[in-house]
Amino acid sequence: QVQLVQSGGGLVQPGGSLRLSCAISGSNLDWHSIGWFRQAPGKERDGLSCISLNDGATNYVHFVRGRFTMTRSNDGRTIYLQMNNLKPEDSAVYYCNAKILVPYYGNYWGQGTQVTVSS
């Protein structure tokens, strides 16, 4: 089985920082990519940052580049999103995602965590 459990998030003032984490459980996992998405009410889910295992590159969508940093634990089982200089337009539900190849093929999502940026 594969499970993604998120933590972090909450209410922060503009200019503040938050760190999200996502713990990935499962045995002998092989994945295509892992990353972070967010979705505001009434809007599509947008990809923010992704690590592709094919080329090992970490990519960021332009409007978070320089403010958000995605990292992984040494064992690869936890991913983080450090969010700095948060803006009101960053308010959304944030999701971690893993595209798993083996042994349980599928596209897996964390439960989501609310980030609200407001003074």
Protein backbone atom coordinates (compact mmCIF):
# COMPACT_ATOMS: atom_id res chain seq x y z
CA GLN A 1 0.00 0.00 0.00
CA VAL A 2 1.02 3.58 -0.57
CA GLN A 3 -0.03 6.41 1.67
CA LEU A 4 0.92 10.08 1.73
CA VAL A 5 0.35 11.91 5.00
CA GLN A 6 0.81 15.65 5.13
CA SER A 7 1.51 17.97 8.01
CA GLY A 8 2.11 21.67 8.38
CA GLY A 9 0.13 24.54 7.00
CA GLY A 10 -2.05 26.95 8.87
CA LEU A 11 -2.52 30.68 9.10
CA VAL A 12 0.38 33.00 8.45
CA GLN A 13 0.74 36.71 7.87
CA PRO A 14 1.94 38.07 4.54
CA GLY A 15 5.69 37.85 4.35
CA GLY A 16 5.77 34.94 6.75
CA SER A 17 6.98 31.39 6.26
CA LEU A 18 5.61 27.89 6.56
CA ARG A 19 7.03 24.45 5.98
CA LEU A 20 4.90 21.61 4.70
CA SER A 21 5.89 17.99 4.97
CA CYS A 22 4.64 14.83 3.35
CA ALA A 23 5.55 11.36 4.61
CA ILE A 24 5.33 8.61 2.03
CA SER A 25 4.76 5.11 3.31
CA GLY A 26 5.16 1.90 1.39
CA SER A 27 7.72 -0.78 0.73
CA ASN A 28 10.11 -0.96 -2.18
CA LEU A 29 8.65 2.03 -3.95
CA ASP A 30 9.81 3.15 -7.34
CA TRP A 31 8.35 6.40 -8.59
CA HIS A 32 8.30 8.56 -11.65
CA SER A 33 8.03 11.86 -9.83
CA ILE A 34 7.12 13.51 -6.55
CA GLY A 35 5.96 17.04 -6.00
CA TRP A 36 3.66 19.66 -4.59
CA PHE A 37 0.42 21.11 -5.90
CA ARG A 38 -2.09 23.62 -4.65
CA GLN A 39 -5.71 24.37 -5.33
CA ALA A 40 -7.68 27.46 -4.42
CA PRO A 41 -11.50 27.35 -4.29
CA GLY A 42 -13.02 27.34 -7.75
CA LYS A 43 -9.66 26.94 -9.45
CA GLU A 44 -7.75 24.10 -11.00
CA ARG A 45 -5.04 22.30 -9.12
CA ASP A 46 -1.70 23.84 -10.04
CA GLY A 47 1.64 22.12 -9.91
CA LEU A 48 4.22 24.03 -7.89
CA SER A 49 7.33 21.93 -7.71
CA CYS A 50 8.32 18.51 -8.94
CA ILE A 51 11.29 16.21 -8.80
CA SER A 52 11.49 13.97 -11.81
CA LEU A 53 13.28 10.70 -11.21
CA ASN A 54 14.02 10.38 -14.90
CA ASP A 55 16.44 13.30 -14.94
CA GLY A 56 16.67 14.12 -11.24
CA ALA A 57 15.78 17.74 -11.89
CA THR A 58 13.75 19.86 -9.50
CA ASN A 59 11.41 22.25 -11.26
CA TYR A 60 9.37 25.13 -9.92
CA VAL A 61 6.51 27.00 -11.43
CA HIS A 62 7.61 30.56 -12.10
CA PHE A 63 5.41 32.32 -9.56
CA VAL A 64 6.93 30.44 -6.62
CA ARG A 65 10.49 30.20 -7.86
CA GLY A 66 12.83 31.93 -5.45
CA ARG A 67 10.32 31.77 -2.59
CA PHE A 68 9.48 28.07 -2.32
CA THR A 69 12.01 25.29 -1.95
CA MET A 70 11.30 21.60 -2.28
CA THR A 71 13.55 19.10 -0.55
CA ARG A 72 13.60 15.42 0.32
CA SER A 73 14.81 13.47 3.30
CA ASN A 74 17.86 11.29 2.82
CA ASP A 75 15.77 8.14 2.57
CA GLY A 76 13.43 9.81 0.10
CA ARG A 77 10.37 9.00 2.19
CA THR A 78 9.57 12.54 3.25
CA ILE A 79 9.29 15.60 1.08
CA TYR A 80 9.15 19.17 2.25
CA LEU A 81 8.03 22.47 0.87
CA GLN A 82 9.60 25.47 2.53
CA MET A 83 7.52 28.52 1.71
CA ASN A 84 8.98 31.95 2.35
CA ASN A 85 7.70 35.46 1.74
CA LEU A 86 4.15 34.19 1.54
CA LYS A 87 1.55 36.28 -0.22
CA PRO A 88 -2.25 36.31 0.08
CA GLU A 89 -2.51 34.77 -3.37
CA ASP A 90 -0.63 31.75 -2.02
CA SER A 91 -3.69 30.84 0.05
CA ALA A 92 -4.88 27.41 -1.04
CA VAL A 93 -5.05 23.78 -0.11
CA TYR A 94 -1.64 22.26 -0.70
CA TYR A 95 -1.20 18.66 -1.77
CA CYS A 96 1.77 16.40 -2.11
CA ASN A 97 1.81 13.95 -4.95
CA ALA A 98 3.69 10.85 -5.94
CA LYS A 99 3.50 8.98 -9.19
CA ILE A 100 4.38 5.44 -8.21
CA LEU A 101 5.55 2.81 -10.68
CA VAL A 102 6.32 -0.21 -8.50
CA PRO A 103 4.85 -2.13 -6.76
CA TYR A 104 1.52 -0.26 -6.72
CA TYR A 105 1.18 1.69 -9.93
CA GLY A 106 -0.82 4.86 -9.58
CA ASN A 107 -0.97 8.57 -8.91
CA TYR A 108 -1.17 9.19 -5.17
CA TRP A 109 -2.13 12.29 -3.25
CA GLY A 110 -1.82 13.49 0.29
CA GLN A 111 -4.92 14.54 2.14
CA GLY A 112 -4.22 18.23 1.62
CA THR A 113 -3.43 20.96 4.09
CA GLN A 114 -4.83 24.47 4.20
CA VAL A 115 -2.49 27.42 3.92
CA THR A 116 -4.04 30.80 4.58
CA VAL A 117 -2.02 33.98 4.17
CA SER A 118 -3.82 36.90 5.71
CA SER A 119 -3.11 39.84 7.96
